């Protein structure tokens, strides 16, 4: 579920800054196939995540999804874990963070 939540945060962030075309690279075959709408979730716990992914994808003009095997994506995993540890106070403007 952490991978779903991290992906949702990434999608929300790209939507907030106005990105319309996105490339998704990930080591979770399940998430990559959910985002690209190739798979439907059978696990009831994950169903709300897929429904939300579908809603979020409507904000993009084009989405490209690429599966990367876990052994080839260790750097990406480390970045996701670090990003989830960051708590940015709401009074800090987003553009100040990315400048």
N, C-alpha and C. Protein backbone atom coordinates (compact mmCIF):
# COMPACT_ATOMS: atom_id res chain seq x y z
N UNK A 1 0.82 -1.20 0.00
CA UNK A 1 0.00 0.00 0.00
C UNK A 1 0.85 1.26 0.00
N UNK A 2 2.07 1.15 0.58
CA UNK A 2 2.94 2.33 0.58
C UNK A 2 3.29 2.75 -0.83
N UNK A 3 3.48 1.76 -1.72
CA UNK A 3 3.79 2.09 -3.11
C UNK A 3 2.62 2.81 -3.77
N UNK A 4 1.42 2.38 -3.48
CA UNK A 4 0.22 3.06 -4.02
C UNK A 4 0.16 4.49 -3.53
N UNK A 5 0.39 4.67 -2.22
CA UNK A 5 0.31 6.01 -1.64
C UNK A 5 1.40 6.91 -2.20
N UNK A 6 2.61 6.37 -2.39
CA UNK A 6 3.69 7.17 -2.96
C UNK A 6 3.36 7.58 -4.39
N UNK A 7 2.80 6.67 -5.16
CA UNK A 7 2.43 6.97 -6.54
C UNK A 7 1.33 8.03 -6.59
N UNK A 8 0.38 7.92 -5.69
CA UNK A 8 -0.71 8.91 -5.62
C UNK A 8 -0.14 10.29 -5.31
N UNK A 9 0.77 10.37 -4.35
CA UNK A 9 1.40 11.65 -4.01
C UNK A 9 2.13 12.21 -5.21
N UNK A 10 2.84 11.36 -5.95
CA UNK A 10 3.56 11.82 -7.14
C UNK A 10 2.58 12.35 -8.19
N UNK A 11 1.47 11.63 -8.40
CA UNK A 11 0.47 12.09 -9.36
C UNK A 11 -0.13 13.42 -8.91
N UNK A 12 -0.50 13.53 -7.65
CA UNK A 12 -1.10 14.77 -7.14
C UNK A 12 -0.15 15.94 -7.32
N UNK A 13 1.13 15.72 -7.05
CA UNK A 13 2.12 16.78 -7.18
C UNK A 13 2.27 17.22 -8.63
N UNK A 14 2.33 16.27 -9.54
CA UNK A 14 2.47 16.65 -10.95
C UNK A 14 1.23 17.37 -11.46
N UNK A 15 0.07 16.99 -10.95
CA UNK A 15 -1.17 17.68 -11.33
C UNK A 15 -1.14 19.11 -10.81
N UNK A 16 -0.70 19.29 -9.56
CA UNK A 16 -0.66 20.63 -8.96
C UNK A 16 0.25 21.58 -9.71
N UNK A 17 1.35 21.07 -10.29
CA UNK A 17 2.27 21.96 -11.00
C UNK A 17 1.96 22.04 -12.49
N UNK A 18 0.86 21.40 -12.91
CA UNK A 18 0.38 21.56 -14.27
C UNK A 18 0.96 20.62 -15.31
N UNK A 19 1.57 19.53 -14.90
CA UNK A 19 2.12 18.57 -15.87
C UNK A 19 0.97 17.85 -16.57
N UNK A 20 1.06 17.74 -17.88
CA UNK A 20 0.02 17.06 -18.66
C UNK A 20 0.49 15.73 -19.26
N UNK A 21 1.79 15.60 -19.49
CA UNK A 21 2.37 14.37 -20.03
C UNK A 21 3.31 13.81 -18.97
N UNK A 22 3.16 12.52 -18.67
CA UNK A 22 3.95 11.94 -17.58
C UNK A 22 4.48 10.57 -17.98
N UNK A 23 5.70 10.29 -17.55
CA UNK A 23 6.30 8.97 -17.71
C UNK A 23 6.41 8.35 -16.33
N UNK A 24 5.81 7.19 -16.16
CA UNK A 24 5.84 6.49 -14.88
C UNK A 24 6.76 5.29 -15.03
N UNK A 25 7.79 5.24 -14.19
CA UNK A 25 8.71 4.10 -14.16
C UNK A 25 8.62 3.51 -12.77
N UNK A 26 8.42 2.20 -12.69
CA UNK A 26 8.30 1.61 -11.36
C UNK A 26 8.60 0.12 -11.35
N UNK A 27 8.89 -0.38 -10.15
CA UNK A 27 9.21 -1.80 -10.00
C UNK A 27 8.02 -2.61 -9.49
N UNK A 28 6.88 -1.97 -9.36
CA UNK A 28 5.68 -2.69 -8.96
C UNK A 28 4.85 -2.97 -10.21
N UNK A 29 4.93 -4.21 -10.66
CA UNK A 29 4.19 -4.61 -11.85
C UNK A 29 2.70 -4.34 -11.66
N UNK A 30 2.21 -4.56 -10.45
CA UNK A 30 0.81 -4.34 -10.14
C UNK A 30 0.41 -2.88 -10.35
N UNK A 31 1.20 -1.97 -9.80
CA UNK A 31 0.86 -0.54 -9.92
C UNK A 31 0.99 -0.07 -11.37
N UNK A 32 2.04 -0.48 -12.04
CA UNK A 32 2.23 -0.08 -13.44
C UNK A 32 1.04 -0.55 -14.28
N UNK A 33 0.59 -1.77 -14.05
CA UNK A 33 -0.55 -2.29 -14.82
C UNK A 33 -1.87 -1.68 -14.40
N UNK A 34 -1.99 -1.24 -13.15
CA UNK A 34 -3.21 -0.54 -12.72
C UNK A 34 -3.30 0.83 -13.37
N UNK A 35 -2.17 1.55 -13.35
CA UNK A 35 -2.15 2.89 -13.92
C UNK A 35 -2.42 2.85 -15.43
N UNK A 36 -1.84 1.86 -16.10
CA UNK A 36 -2.03 1.76 -17.55
C UNK A 36 -3.35 1.07 -17.90
N UNK A 37 -4.14 0.76 -16.86
CA UNK A 37 -5.49 0.19 -17.00
C UNK A 37 -5.49 -1.18 -17.68
N UNK A 38 -4.40 -1.92 -17.50
CA UNK A 38 -4.33 -3.28 -18.03
C UNK A 38 -4.90 -4.30 -17.04
N UNK A 39 -4.82 -3.98 -15.76
CA UNK A 39 -5.28 -4.89 -14.71
C UNK A 39 -6.34 -4.22 -13.86
N UNK A 40 -7.24 -5.01 -13.35
CA UNK A 40 -8.18 -4.58 -12.32
C UNK A 40 -7.76 -5.23 -11.01
N UNK A 41 -7.93 -4.53 -9.93
CA UNK A 41 -7.54 -5.04 -8.61
C UNK A 41 -8.58 -6.03 -8.12
N UNK A 42 -8.11 -7.15 -7.59
CA UNK A 42 -9.02 -8.14 -7.00
C UNK A 42 -9.06 -8.02 -5.49
N UNK A 43 -8.01 -7.44 -4.93
CA UNK A 43 -7.92 -7.27 -3.48
C UNK A 43 -8.78 -6.06 -3.09
N UNK A 44 -9.77 -6.29 -2.25
CA UNK A 44 -10.70 -5.22 -1.87
C UNK A 44 -10.01 -4.06 -1.16
N UNK A 45 -8.91 -4.34 -0.47
CA UNK A 45 -8.17 -3.28 0.22
C UNK A 45 -7.56 -2.31 -0.78
N UNK A 46 -7.14 -2.83 -1.95
CA UNK A 46 -6.48 -1.98 -2.94
C UNK A 46 -7.45 -1.34 -3.94
N UNK A 47 -8.69 -1.78 -3.96
CA UNK A 47 -9.68 -1.25 -4.91
C UNK A 47 -9.84 0.27 -4.85
N UNK A 48 -9.91 0.87 -3.65
CA UNK A 48 -10.03 2.34 -3.61
C UNK A 48 -8.83 3.06 -4.22
N UNK A 49 -7.64 2.46 -4.09
CA UNK A 49 -6.46 3.06 -4.69
C UNK A 49 -6.59 3.06 -6.21
N UNK A 50 -7.02 1.94 -6.79
CA UNK A 50 -7.16 1.88 -8.24
C UNK A 50 -8.21 2.87 -8.72
N UNK A 51 -9.32 2.97 -8.00
CA UNK A 51 -10.36 3.93 -8.39
C UNK A 51 -9.80 5.35 -8.38
N UNK A 52 -8.99 5.66 -7.39
CA UNK A 52 -8.40 6.99 -7.31
C UNK A 52 -7.37 7.20 -8.42
N UNK A 53 -6.58 6.16 -8.72
CA UNK A 53 -5.64 6.24 -9.86
C UNK A 53 -6.40 6.61 -11.14
N UNK A 54 -7.52 5.94 -11.37
CA UNK A 54 -8.32 6.20 -12.57
C UNK A 54 -8.75 7.67 -12.60
N UNK A 55 -9.21 8.20 -11.47
CA UNK A 55 -9.61 9.62 -11.41
C UNK A 55 -8.43 10.54 -11.68
N UNK A 56 -7.28 10.22 -11.08
CA UNK A 56 -6.10 11.07 -11.26
C UNK A 56 -5.61 11.07 -12.70
N UNK A 57 -5.66 9.91 -13.36
CA UNK A 57 -5.15 9.83 -14.73
C UNK A 57 -5.96 10.69 -15.70
N UNK A 58 -7.16 11.05 -15.35
CA UNK A 58 -7.99 11.90 -16.21
C UNK A 58 -7.41 13.31 -16.34
N UNK A 59 -6.48 13.66 -15.44
CA UNK A 59 -5.86 14.99 -15.47
C UNK A 59 -4.69 15.08 -16.44
N UNK A 60 -4.30 13.96 -17.05
CA UNK A 60 -3.15 13.94 -17.94
C UNK A 60 -3.58 13.72 -19.38
N UNK A 61 -2.83 14.33 -20.29
CA UNK A 61 -3.06 14.14 -21.71
C UNK A 61 -2.46 12.82 -22.17
N UNK A 62 -1.27 12.50 -21.64
CA UNK A 62 -0.57 11.28 -22.05
C UNK A 62 0.20 10.70 -20.86
N UNK A 63 0.09 9.39 -20.68
CA UNK A 63 0.82 8.68 -19.63
C UNK A 63 1.53 7.49 -20.26
N UNK A 64 2.83 7.39 -20.02
CA UNK A 64 3.62 6.25 -20.45
C UNK A 64 4.07 5.51 -19.21
N UNK A 65 3.82 4.21 -19.14
CA UNK A 65 4.19 3.41 -17.98
C UNK A 65 5.23 2.37 -18.38
N UNK A 66 6.30 2.28 -17.58
CA UNK A 66 7.37 1.33 -17.84
C UNK A 66 7.68 0.56 -16.57
N UNK A 67 7.64 -0.76 -16.68
CA UNK A 67 8.00 -1.62 -15.55
C UNK A 67 9.51 -1.79 -15.52
N UNK A 68 10.11 -1.59 -14.33
CA UNK A 68 11.55 -1.80 -14.11
C UNK A 68 11.68 -2.84 -13.01
N UNK A 69 12.37 -3.96 -13.29
CA UNK A 69 12.54 -4.98 -12.25
C UNK A 69 13.19 -4.40 -10.99
N UNK A 70 12.77 -4.91 -9.84
CA UNK A 70 13.24 -4.41 -8.55
C UNK A 70 14.75 -4.30 -8.47
N UNK A 71 15.45 -5.32 -8.94
CA UNK A 71 16.92 -5.30 -8.84
C UNK A 71 17.55 -4.18 -9.66
N UNK A 72 16.81 -3.63 -10.61
CA UNK A 72 17.31 -2.52 -11.41
C UNK A 72 16.82 -1.17 -10.92
N UNK A 73 16.04 -1.14 -9.83
CA UNK A 73 15.41 0.10 -9.39
C UNK A 73 15.69 0.43 -7.92
N UNK A 74 16.82 0.06 -7.40
CA UNK A 74 17.13 0.31 -6.01
C UNK A 74 17.24 1.80 -5.70
N UNK A 75 17.75 2.57 -6.62
CA UNK A 75 17.87 4.02 -6.40
C UNK A 75 16.49 4.65 -6.30
N UNK A 76 15.58 4.22 -7.16
CA UNK A 76 14.21 4.73 -7.11
C UNK A 76 13.53 4.43 -5.79
N UNK A 77 13.73 3.22 -5.28
CA UNK A 77 13.14 2.85 -3.99
C UNK A 77 13.65 3.73 -2.87
N UNK A 78 14.95 4.02 -2.89
CA UNK A 78 15.53 4.88 -1.85
C UNK A 78 14.92 6.28 -1.91
N UNK A 79 14.72 6.81 -3.11
CA UNK A 79 14.12 8.14 -3.25
C UNK A 79 12.69 8.19 -2.74
N UNK A 80 11.92 7.14 -3.03
CA UNK A 80 10.54 7.09 -2.55
C UNK A 80 10.50 7.08 -1.03
N UNK A 81 11.35 6.28 -0.41
CA UNK A 81 11.38 6.21 1.05
C UNK A 81 11.76 7.56 1.65
N UNK A 82 12.73 8.24 1.06
CA UNK A 82 13.11 9.57 1.55
C UNK A 82 11.98 10.58 1.37
N UNK A 83 11.31 10.54 0.23
CA UNK A 83 10.23 11.48 -0.04
C UNK A 83 9.08 11.31 0.95
N UNK A 84 8.80 10.08 1.33
CA UNK A 84 7.71 9.84 2.26
C UNK A 84 8.03 10.31 3.68
N UNK A 85 9.31 10.53 3.96
CA UNK A 85 9.71 10.98 5.30
C UNK A 85 9.63 12.50 5.44
N UNK A 86 9.52 13.21 4.34
CA UNK A 86 9.52 14.66 4.37
C UNK A 86 8.13 15.19 4.72
N UNK A 87 8.10 16.10 5.66
CA UNK A 87 6.85 16.76 6.03
C UNK A 87 7.02 18.25 5.73
N UNK A 88 6.39 18.71 4.68
CA UNK A 88 6.50 20.10 4.28
C UNK A 88 5.34 20.87 4.88
N UNK A 89 5.62 21.87 5.72
CA UNK A 89 4.54 22.66 6.32
C UNK A 89 3.69 23.33 5.24
N UNK A 90 2.40 23.42 5.49
CA UNK A 90 1.47 23.96 4.49
C UNK A 90 1.70 25.45 4.21
N UNK A 91 2.36 26.17 5.12
CA UNK A 91 2.56 27.60 4.88
C UNK A 91 3.73 27.88 3.93
N UNK A 92 4.49 26.86 3.54
CA UNK A 92 5.60 27.05 2.60
C UNK A 92 5.06 26.86 1.18
N UNK A 93 5.22 27.88 0.33
CA UNK A 93 4.71 27.75 -1.05
C UNK A 93 5.46 26.66 -1.79
N UNK A 94 4.75 25.91 -2.61
CA UNK A 94 5.34 24.80 -3.36
C UNK A 94 6.46 25.28 -4.27
N UNK A 95 6.29 26.43 -4.95
CA UNK A 95 7.31 26.89 -5.88
C UNK A 95 8.61 27.24 -5.17
N UNK A 96 8.57 27.55 -3.87
CA UNK A 96 9.79 27.81 -3.12
C UNK A 96 10.61 26.54 -2.93
N UNK A 97 9.96 25.42 -2.93
CA UNK A 97 10.64 24.14 -2.73
C UNK A 97 11.36 23.71 -3.99
N UNK A 98 10.78 23.95 -5.16
CA UNK A 98 11.38 23.46 -6.39
C UNK A 98 12.29 24.50 -7.07
N UNK A 99 12.43 25.70 -6.50
CA UNK A 99 13.30 26.68 -7.15
C UNK A 99 14.74 26.45 -6.80
